[in-house]
C-alpha atoms as a PDB file:
ATOM      1  CA  UNK A   1      19.225  -4.266  18.853  1.00  0.00           C
ATOM      2  CA  UNK A   2      17.705  -6.010  15.869  1.00  0.00           C
ATOM      3  CA  UNK A   3      14.456  -4.195  16.716  1.00  0.00           C
ATOM      4  CA  UNK A   4      16.387  -0.433  16.268  1.00  0.00           C
ATOM      5  CA  UNK A   5      18.442  -1.610  13.069  1.00  0.00           C
ATOM      6  CA  UNK A   6      14.326  -3.043  11.785  1.00  0.00           C
ATOM      7  CA  UNK A   7      13.224  -0.008  12.708  1.00  0.00           C
ATOM      8  CA  UNK A   8      15.838   2.549  11.142  1.00  0.00           C
ATOM      9  CA  UNK A   9      15.388   0.035   7.863  1.00  0.00           C
ATOM     10  CA  UNK A  10      11.569   0.319   7.814  1.00  0.00           C
ATOM     11  CA  UNK A  11      12.187   4.275   8.356  1.00  0.00           C
ATOM     12  CA  UNK A  12      14.672   4.537   5.732  1.00  0.00           C
ATOM     13  CA  UNK A  13      12.567   2.622   3.410  1.00  0.00           C
ATOM     14  CA  UNK A  14       9.583   4.774   3.865  1.00  0.00           C
ATOM     15  CA  UNK A  15      11.496   8.011   3.005  1.00  0.00           C
ATOM     16  CA  UNK A  16      12.660   6.262  -0.351  1.00  0.00           C
ATOM     17  CA  UNK A  17       8.907   5.266  -1.147  1.00  0.00           C
ATOM     18  CA  UNK A  18       7.841   8.616  -0.362  1.00  0.00           C
ATOM     19  CA  UNK A  19      10.477  10.172  -2.085  1.00  0.00           C
ATOM     20  CA  UNK A  20       9.724   8.000  -5.164  1.00  0.00           C
ATOM     21  CA  UNK A  21       6.241   8.781  -4.964  1.00  0.00           C
ATOM     22  CA  UNK A  22       6.432  12.573  -4.551  1.00  0.00           C
ATOM     23  CA  UNK A  23       9.274  13.476  -7.119  1.00  0.00           C
ATOM     24  CA  UNK A  24       8.726  10.467  -9.758  1.00  0.00           C
ATOM     25  CA  UNK A  25       5.139   9.310  -9.448  1.00  0.00           C
ATOM     26  CA  UNK A  26       3.173  11.902  -8.796  1.00  0.00           C
ATOM     27  CA  UNK A  27       4.198  14.324 -11.490  1.00  0.00           C
ATOM     28  CA  UNK A  28       3.053  11.389 -14.300  1.00  0.00           C
ATOM     29  CA  UNK A  29      -0.599  12.116 -14.128  1.00  0.00           C
ATOM     30  CA  UNK A  30      -2.385   9.895 -16.438  1.00  0.00           C
ATOM     31  CA  UNK A  31      -5.221  10.793 -18.142  1.00  0.00           C
ATOM     32  CA  UNK A  32      -7.785  13.575 -17.497  1.00  0.00           C
ATOM     33  CA  UNK A  33      -8.952  12.771 -14.207  1.00  0.00           C
ATOM     34  CA  UNK A  34      -5.761  12.085 -12.925  1.00  0.00           C
ATOM     35  CA  UNK A  35      -4.806   8.279 -12.206  1.00  0.00           C
ATOM     36  CA  UNK A  36      -2.449   8.184  -9.902  1.00  0.00           C
ATOM     37  CA  UNK A  37      -0.416   5.007  -8.825  1.00  0.00           C
ATOM     38  CA  UNK A  38       0.636   5.190  -5.123  1.00  0.00           C
ATOM     39  CA  UNK A  39       3.606   2.814  -4.739  1.00  0.00           C
ATOM     40  CA  UNK A  40       3.862   3.769  -1.134  1.00  0.00           C
ATOM     41  CA  UNK A  41       1.150   0.690  -0.621  1.00  0.00           C
ATOM     42  CA  UNK A  42       4.267  -1.232  -1.105  1.00  0.00           C
ATOM     43  CA  UNK A  43       5.552  -0.587   2.085  1.00  0.00           C
ATOM     44  CA  UNK A  44       2.167  -2.273   3.954  1.00  0.00           C
ATOM     45  CA  UNK A  45       2.561  -5.031   1.444  1.00  0.00           C
ATOM     46  CA  UNK A  46       5.962  -6.170   2.155  1.00  0.00           C
ATOM     47  CA  UNK A  47       6.335  -5.273   6.048  1.00  0.00           C
ATOM     48  CA  UNK A  48       6.972  -8.583   7.812  1.00  0.00           C
ATOM     49  CA  UNK A  49       3.914 -10.226   9.328  1.00  0.00           C
ATOM     50  CA  UNK A  50       5.472 -11.194  12.437  1.00  0.00           C
ATOM     51  CA  UNK A  51       6.452  -7.818  13.745  1.00  0.00           C
ATOM     52  CA  UNK A  52       4.754  -5.745  16.155  1.00  0.00           C
ATOM     53  CA  UNK A  53       1.130  -4.708  14.891  1.00  0.00           C
ATOM     54  CA  UNK A  54       0.926  -1.260  16.896  1.00  0.00           C
ATOM     55  CA  UNK A  55       4.146  -0.288  15.317  1.00  0.00           C
ATOM     56  CA  UNK A  56       3.224  -1.143  11.975  1.00  0.00           C
ATOM     57  CA  UNK A  57      -0.020   0.404  12.053  1.00  0.00           C
ATOM     58  CA  UNK A  58       2.051   3.703  13.069  1.00  0.00           C
ATOM     59  CA  UNK A  59       4.609   3.393  10.353  1.00  0.00           C
ATOM     60  CA  UNK A  60       1.691   3.050   7.525  1.00  0.00           C
ATOM     61  CA  UNK A  61       0.043   6.045   9.365  1.00  0.00           C
ATOM     62  CA  UNK A  62       3.768   7.843   9.263  1.00  0.00           C
ATOM     63  CA  UNK A  63       3.867   7.043   5.330  1.00  0.00           C
ATOM     64  CA  UNK A  64       0.445   8.078   4.626  1.00  0.00           C
ATOM     65  CA  UNK A  65       0.573  11.663   6.701  1.00  0.00           C
ATOM     66  CA  UNK A  66       4.556  12.284   4.660  1.00  0.00           C
ATOM     67  CA  UNK A  67       2.542  12.061   1.609  1.00  0.00           C
ATOM     68  CA  UNK A  68      -0.507  14.018   3.109  1.00  0.00           C
ATOM     69  CA  UNK A  69       2.116  16.764   4.159  1.00  0.00           C
ATOM     70  CA  UNK A  70       3.831  16.676   0.625  1.00  0.00           C
ATOM     71  CA  UNK A  71       0.637  16.969  -1.186  1.00  0.00           C
ATOM     72  CA  UNK A  72      -1.286  19.012   0.892  1.00  0.00           C
ATOM     73  CA  UNK A  73      -4.260  16.460   0.933  1.00  0.00           C
ATOM     74  CA  UNK A  74      -5.241  16.494   4.394  1.00  0.00           C
ATOM     75  CA  UNK A  75      -4.987  13.171   5.961  1.00  0.00           C
ATOM     76  CA  UNK A  76      -6.679  11.233   3.475  1.00  0.00           C
ATOM     77  CA  UNK A  77      -3.543   9.081   2.444  1.00  0.00           C
ATOM     78  CA  UNK A  78      -2.730   8.855   6.287  1.00  0.00           C
ATOM     79  CA  UNK A  79      -6.258   7.257   6.614  1.00  0.00           C
ATOM     80  CA  UNK A  80      -6.211   4.987   3.566  1.00  0.00           C
ATOM     81  CA  UNK A  81      -2.510   3.600   4.138  1.00  0.00           C
ATOM     82  CA  UNK A  82      -3.846   2.908   8.013  1.00  0.00           C
ATOM     83  CA  UNK A  83      -7.134   1.239   6.930  1.00  0.00           C
ATOM     84  CA  UNK A  84      -5.265  -0.888   4.442  1.00  0.00           C
ATOM     85  CA  UNK A  85      -2.530  -2.053   7.262  1.00  0.00           C
ATOM     86  CA  UNK A  86      -5.211  -3.019   9.533  1.00  0.00           C
ATOM     87  CA  UNK A  87      -6.873  -4.952   7.141  1.00  0.00           C
ATOM     88  CA  UNK A  88      -3.786  -6.677   5.800  1.00  0.00           C
ATOM     89  CA  UNK A  89      -3.848  -9.653   7.770  1.00  0.00           C
ATOM     90  CA  UNK A  90      -7.569 -10.380   7.264  1.00  0.00           C
ATOM     91  CA  UNK A  91      -6.848 -10.617   3.310  1.00  0.00           C
ATOM     92  CA  UNK A  92      -4.149 -12.961   3.983  1.00  0.00           C
ATOM     93  CA  UNK A  93      -6.644 -14.927   6.223  1.00  0.00           C
ATOM     94  CA  UNK A  94      -9.166 -15.007   3.280  1.00  0.00           C
ATOM     95  CA  UNK A  95      -6.671 -16.026   0.533  1.00  0.00           C
ATOM     96  CA  UNK A  96      -4.465 -18.454   2.399  1.00  0.00           C
ATOM     97  CA  UNK A  97      -6.671 -19.635   5.130  1.00  0.00           C
ATOM     98  CA  UNK A  98      -5.412 -21.703   8.060  1.00  0.00           C
ATOM     99  CA  UNK A  99      -1.945 -21.969   6.577  1.00  0.00           C
ATOM    100  CA  UNK A 100      -1.200 -18.478   7.227  1.00  0.00           C
ATOM    101  CA  UNK A 101      -2.355 -18.592  10.919  1.00  0.00           C
ATOM    102  CA  UNK A 102      -0.335 -21.600  11.899  1.00  0.00           C
ATOM    103  CA  UNK A 103       2.482 -20.605  10.425  1.00  0.00           C
ATOM    104  CA  UNK A 104       2.609 -16.427  10.844  1.00  0.00           C
ATOM    105  CA  UNK A 105       5.940 -16.512  12.243  1.00  0.00           C
ATOM    106  CA  UNK A 106       7.650 -17.873   8.971  1.00  0.00           C
ATOM    107  CA  UNK A 107       4.928 -16.614   6.434  1.00  0.00           C
ATOM    108  CA  UNK A 108       6.210 -14.971   3.504  1.00  0.00           C
ATOM    109  CA  UNK A 109       4.408 -13.239   0.679  1.00  0.00           C
ATOM    110  CA  UNK A 110       7.303 -14.337  -1.783  1.00  0.00           C
ATOM    111  CA  UNK A 111       6.115 -18.286  -0.785  1.00  0.00           C
ATOM    112  CA  UNK A 112       2.528 -17.447  -1.814  1.00  0.00           C
ATOM    113  CA  UNK A 113       1.374 -18.710  -5.445  1.00  0.00           C
ATOM    114  CA  UNK A 114       1.315 -16.467  -8.226  1.00  0.00           C
ATOM    115  CA  UNK A 115      -2.499 -15.966  -8.356  1.00  0.00           C
ATOM    116  CA  UNK A 116      -2.807 -15.342  -4.412  1.00  0.00           C
ATOM    117  CA  UNK A 117       0.116 -12.728  -4.806  1.00  0.00           C
ATOM    118  CA  UNK A 118      -1.650 -11.009  -7.330  1.00  0.00           C
ATOM    119  CA  UNK A 119      -5.191 -11.093  -5.367  1.00  0.00           C
ATOM    120  CA  UNK A 120      -3.560  -9.974  -1.956  1.00  0.00           C
ATOM    121  CA  UNK A 121      -1.876  -7.053  -3.897  1.00  0.00           C
ATOM    122  CA  UNK A 122      -5.294  -5.857  -5.839  1.00  0.00           C
ATOM    123  CA  UNK A 123      -7.386  -6.699  -2.731  1.00  0.00           C
ATOM    124  CA  UNK A 124      -5.232  -4.194  -0.834  1.00  0.00           C
ATOM    125  CA  UNK A 125      -4.253  -1.566  -3.384  1.00  0.00           C
ATOM    126  CA  UNK A 126      -8.296  -1.496  -4.313  1.00  0.00           C
ATOM    127  CA  UNK A 127      -9.018  -0.966  -0.455  1.00  0.00           C
ATOM    128  CA  UNK A 128      -6.537   2.056  -0.230  1.00  0.00           C
ATOM    129  CA  UNK A 129      -7.570   3.495  -3.761  1.00  0.00           C
ATOM    130  CA  UNK A 130     -11.328   3.139  -3.071  1.00  0.00           C
ATOM    131  CA  UNK A 131     -10.897   4.487   0.664  1.00  0.00           C
ATOM    132  CA  UNK A 132      -8.742   7.407  -0.891  1.00  0.00           C
ATOM    133  CA  UNK A 133     -10.796   8.367  -3.800  1.00  0.00           C
ATOM    134  CA  UNK A 134     -14.132   8.535  -1.565  1.00  0.00           C
ATOM    135  CA  UNK A 135     -12.608  10.904   1.039  1.00  0.00           C
ATOM    136  CA  UNK A 136     -11.059  12.824  -1.722  1.00  0.00           C
ATOM    137  CA  UNK A 137     -14.400  13.287  -3.659  1.00  0.00           C
ATOM    138  CA  UNK A 138     -16.127  13.945  -0.294  1.00  0.00           C
ATOM    139  CA  UNK A 139     -13.442  16.820   0.357  1.00  0.00           C
ATOM    140  CA  UNK A 140     -14.689  18.397  -2.818  1.00  0.00           C
ATOM    141  CA  UNK A 141     -17.615  20.121  -3.214  1.00  0.00           C
ATOM    142  CA  UNK A 142     -18.319  18.566  -6.446  1.00  0.00           C
ATOM    143  CA  UNK A 143     -18.866  14.816  -7.281  1.00  0.00           C
ATOM    144  CA  UNK A 144     -18.603  15.038 -11.214  1.00  0.00           C
ATOM    145  CA  UNK A 145     -15.545  12.416 -10.901  1.00  0.00           C
ATOM    146  CA  UNK A 146     -16.253   9.186 -11.512  1.00  0.00           C
ATOM    147  CA  UNK A 147     -14.937   7.469  -8.131  1.00  0.00           C
ATOM    148  CA  UNK A 148     -15.079   3.749  -9.667  1.00  0.00           C
ATOM    149  CA  UNK A 149     -13.395   4.299 -12.812  1.00  0.00           C
ATOM    150  CA  UNK A 150     -11.054   6.175 -11.002  1.00  0.00           C
ATOM    151  CA  UNK A 151     -10.170   3.365  -8.251  1.00  0.00           C
ATOM    152  CA  UNK A 152     -10.047   0.885 -10.781  1.00  0.00           C
ATOM    153  CA  UNK A 153      -7.570   2.411 -13.035  1.00  0.00           C
ATOM    154  CA  UNK A 154      -5.190   3.624 -10.013  1.00  0.00           C
ATOM    155  CA  UNK A 155      -5.205   0.461  -8.357  1.00  0.00           C
ATOM    156  CA  UNK A 156      -4.510  -1.434 -11.758  1.00  0.00           C
ATOM    157  CA  UNK A 157      -1.455   0.918 -12.478  1.00  0.00           C
ATOM    158  CA  UNK A 158      -0.257   0.520  -8.815  1.00  0.00           C
ATOM    159  CA  UNK A 159      -0.899  -3.047  -8.908  1.00  0.00           C
ATOM    160  CA  UNK A 160       1.177  -3.465 -12.042  1.00  0.00           C
ATOM    161  CA  UNK A 161       4.376  -1.517 -10.344  1.00  0.00           C
ATOM    162  CA  UNK A 162       3.892  -3.871  -7.118  1.00  0.00           C
ATOM    163  CA  UNK A 163       3.921  -7.122  -9.151  1.00  0.00           C
ATOM    164  CA  UNK A 164       6.868  -5.864 -10.818  1.00  0.00           C
ATOM    165  CA  UNK A 165       8.468  -5.363  -7.716  1.00  0.00           C
ATOM    166  CA  UNK A 166       7.670  -8.749  -6.182  1.00  0.00           C
ATOM    167  CA  UNK A 167       8.868 -10.073  -9.709  1.00  0.00           C
ATOM    168  CA  UNK A 168      12.214  -8.640  -9.237  1.00  0.00           C
ATOM    169  CA  UNK A 169      12.289  -9.264  -5.815  1.00  0.00           C
ATOM    170  CA  UNK A 170      11.796 -13.055  -6.266  1.00  0.00           C
ATOM    171  CA  UNK A 171      14.304 -13.397  -9.373  1.00  0.00           C
ATOM    172  CA  UNK A 172      16.884 -11.702  -6.917  1.00  0.00           C
ATOM    173  CA  UNK A 173      16.454 -14.117  -4.180  1.00  0.00           C
END
């Protein structure tokens, strides 16, 4: 019963983030080159670490697939969100070391220090945005957009939004 409750909550959270991304964030095109903030990455950041990894990868693919269908982007969001979900544990091992490996069932991102939390968010977001923007550039026929700048600026905007979420979440709990 607990599995079904968690699954339904995850699906609700995915659709909520997709609605926020599609209806609120996407219309806010920042700058000439279109620096988006991809708030749906928040799902990958906050999904519990002790749950089924296959289900997590499937849900990460689902959130990217929904965004792809709404934005008509051809699968680049699904790939990038699945790649970020796959690499998430490796980033945590890099930042938290043996403590993450020994306390994986009781691990919470909210217990990390502020610097480690920001680094974790930024590493995951920059991986997502870099893979997304590389695929977007390969999808188009012209290479006139500067990938590195778009990746950095989009990552900064997304990281700021995620840090704000984590800050209010820490205050509330």
